Each structure stands twice: as structure tokens, then as C-alpha cells.
Amino acid sequence: MKIGDGTIHVADFGAISDGITDTAEDLQTAIDYAGSLASTDWLDPGASNIVVDVDGGSYLVGAPLTVPSRVKLQNGQLIADTSADWGDDGSGKPTRAVVELSLAATRATEIYGITIICGHAANGILIDVGGGAFNRITKNIISGAGEVGIHVKSAAGTYIENNVITEWFMGEEEFNSDE
């Protein structure tokens, strides 16, 4: 697979941008490929992230996308498949998120310019990177989260800025941040 400018396009991995076909496996394959190309020396000042470009498309996902170190996921829309299993904490609330930074010591990962439509079935972004650092969650829109738009469990040195979270489910009531 050729990535001349350091960018991987998800369509090259078979991801279908119709918002109907579950493309989680294709998207994860592109993300994993980017991770395999990324520098393993996170202190290297000359290393840059490998970009996984969602190409401005709309992609249905039926499983969490796990983004590893030195990968930047950007530019598109991810729609949670409401019929998929997003986990259950025992009260009907989901435990999994559409995008997860959940690998131990995930470093220098970016989620940028992604719209995540959760359909009240999944959470938006989970950050649980024990020992990780220098991650950025910037300019994303998360709508209809099952419980949490951005769930931070462990995130030393992670920057979360300029994100918009609307319409998340809170017990028996829906909360809309526009009200």
C-alpha cells in the first residue's frame, strides 16, 4: 500500500462510505496498518504521525476502533451501528466507545475533525492509556452518546480541546446541550 504523503485513505482498505454498510473491520485494518508504519520511538522529535484520513465520508461502525500510538484519525463521520453490542454496565448504559485510545502507553495519538454519531447506543471516545502521553482530541463533534461523549479514565498529558458534545443520554432523560 503506497502512502506517498504519510496519509492512508480508508477507501484503499475497502471501507464503504455509505453510512449503511458496517466498515469497522476495514477501518481498523487501515488504522492498524498506520500503526505498523509509525515510529516506535515516541521521544523522537523528527517522527510524525501517520494520518488515517476518513476522506470526509460517512462510515457505519459496529465495533470500537482502537487507535494506536503515532496515528492521527481525521476528517469524516463515524456512525455507531445501533444494533451492535457496545457493552452494558448492567443498567443498560454502554461501556464501549466508537473510538478508543485504550492500548497501554498509547502516545502521540490524535483524533481530529471527526463527527461521531452514537445513536444513544455507544459512547463517543474512550481514553484509557495508562502510561500514555501527548494525545490530542481536537475539533470533533459527538452526538447522541449512550452515556459519555468523551470518557477519560487515564490520560496523563492528553489534550482535549474544541470538541462539541450534544444530545447524550442520562438515565431516563436526554440532555441536549443546546437547551
Foldseek 3Di string as FASTA:
>chain_A
DDDPVLEAELVVQVFDQPLPDACLVSLLVSQVVQVVVFDPPLVPPPGAAREYEPPQGEHEHQAAREHAARYEYEHYEYEYDLVHQQPDPVQQFGDHANYEPADAQGEQYEYYHYEYEHLLRAEHYEYHHHNHAHYEYEQYEYEAHVAYNYHYDDYPHYYYDNYHYAFYDDVPDTGGPVD
